[in-house]
């Protein structure tokens, strides 16, 4: 997962593990879920080539890139 240069509309490079296609996605095509742990923090998208629902883990750097690029984020936990 990589993002475009600052100042440009966010476009992310991604790949599908099913069909192995590589492509670019706009921020609106991605979703980020932030959970209570690394295991429950991930991003997802639909492959534009084969239509597969793709879910990949998102480490700290990926979370930074996606949130900075305007990807919609869902928090899966709350601290009480």
Protein backbone atom coordinates (compact mmCIF):
# COMPACT_ATOMS: atom_id res chain seq x y z
CA UNK A 1 0.00 0.00 0.00
CA UNK A 2 1.46 3.33 -1.05
CA UNK A 3 -0.04 6.80 -1.43
CA UNK A 4 0.47 9.65 -3.91
CA UNK A 5 2.58 12.73 -3.23
CA UNK A 6 1.30 15.44 -0.85
CA UNK A 7 -0.93 18.09 -2.41
CA UNK A 8 -2.51 15.69 -4.89
CA UNK A 9 -5.81 13.84 -4.47
CA UNK A 10 -5.14 10.66 -2.50
CA UNK A 11 -4.73 7.59 -4.67
CA UNK A 12 -3.47 4.36 -3.17
CA UNK A 13 -1.74 1.47 -4.89
CA UNK A 14 -3.04 -1.92 -3.85
CA UNK A 15 -3.02 -5.54 -5.00
CA UNK A 16 -5.54 -8.36 -4.90
CA UNK A 17 -4.39 -11.60 -3.27
CA UNK A 18 -6.97 -13.58 -5.27
CA UNK A 19 -6.31 -12.52 -8.87
CA UNK A 20 -2.94 -10.84 -8.19
CA UNK A 21 -3.94 -7.69 -10.07
CA UNK A 22 -2.26 -4.40 -9.10
CA UNK A 23 -4.25 -1.19 -9.35
CA UNK A 24 -4.86 2.27 -7.91
CA UNK A 25 -7.79 3.12 -5.67
CA UNK A 26 -9.20 6.48 -4.61
CA UNK A 27 -9.67 7.08 -0.89
CA UNK A 28 -13.42 6.50 -1.28
CA UNK A 29 -12.85 2.92 -2.43
CA UNK A 30 -11.11 1.93 0.81
CA UNK A 31 -12.36 1.44 4.37
CA UNK A 32 -10.22 1.40 7.49
CA UNK A 33 -11.28 -0.34 10.70
CA UNK A 34 -9.30 0.38 13.84
CA UNK A 35 -9.71 -2.24 16.53
CA UNK A 36 -8.38 -2.76 20.03
CA UNK A 37 -5.33 -4.66 18.76
CA UNK A 38 -3.19 -5.21 15.68
CA UNK A 39 -5.26 -8.28 14.88
CA UNK A 40 -8.44 -6.22 14.66
CA UNK A 41 -7.05 -3.25 12.73
CA UNK A 42 -7.40 -3.65 8.97
CA UNK A 43 -8.32 -1.98 5.70
CA UNK A 44 -10.63 -3.38 3.08
CA UNK A 45 -11.66 -2.83 -0.52
CA UNK A 46 -13.29 -4.60 -3.43
CA UNK A 47 -10.93 -5.69 -6.19
CA UNK A 48 -11.87 -3.79 -9.35
CA UNK A 49 -10.59 -6.69 -11.50
CA UNK A 50 -12.25 -9.78 -10.00
CA UNK A 51 -14.73 -8.32 -7.49
CA UNK A 52 -13.21 -10.11 -4.49
CA UNK A 53 -13.70 -8.57 -1.06
CA UNK A 54 -10.16 -7.95 0.20
CA UNK A 55 -9.20 -7.42 3.84
CA UNK A 56 -5.60 -6.74 4.85
CA UNK A 57 -3.97 -5.95 8.20
CA UNK A 58 -3.10 -2.31 8.80
CA UNK A 59 -0.07 -1.47 10.88
CA UNK A 60 0.68 1.95 12.30
CA UNK A 61 2.18 3.32 9.07
CA UNK A 62 -0.74 2.12 6.92
CA UNK A 63 -3.23 3.66 9.37
CA UNK A 64 -1.29 6.94 9.11
CA UNK A 65 -1.30 6.89 5.30
CA UNK A 66 -4.97 6.00 5.01
CA UNK A 67 -6.29 8.48 7.56
CA UNK A 68 -4.06 11.21 6.14
CA UNK A 69 -5.41 10.42 2.67
CA UNK A 70 -9.03 10.79 3.68
CA UNK A 71 -10.06 7.14 3.91
CA UNK A 72 -13.23 6.65 5.95
CA UNK A 73 -12.41 5.14 9.33
CA UNK A 74 -14.47 3.02 11.69
CA UNK A 75 -13.35 2.58 15.30
CA UNK A 76 -14.25 -0.91 16.49
CA UNK A 77 -13.63 -0.27 20.16
CA UNK A 78 -14.00 2.33 22.83
CA UNK A 79 -12.16 2.64 26.11
CA UNK A 80 -14.36 2.92 29.16
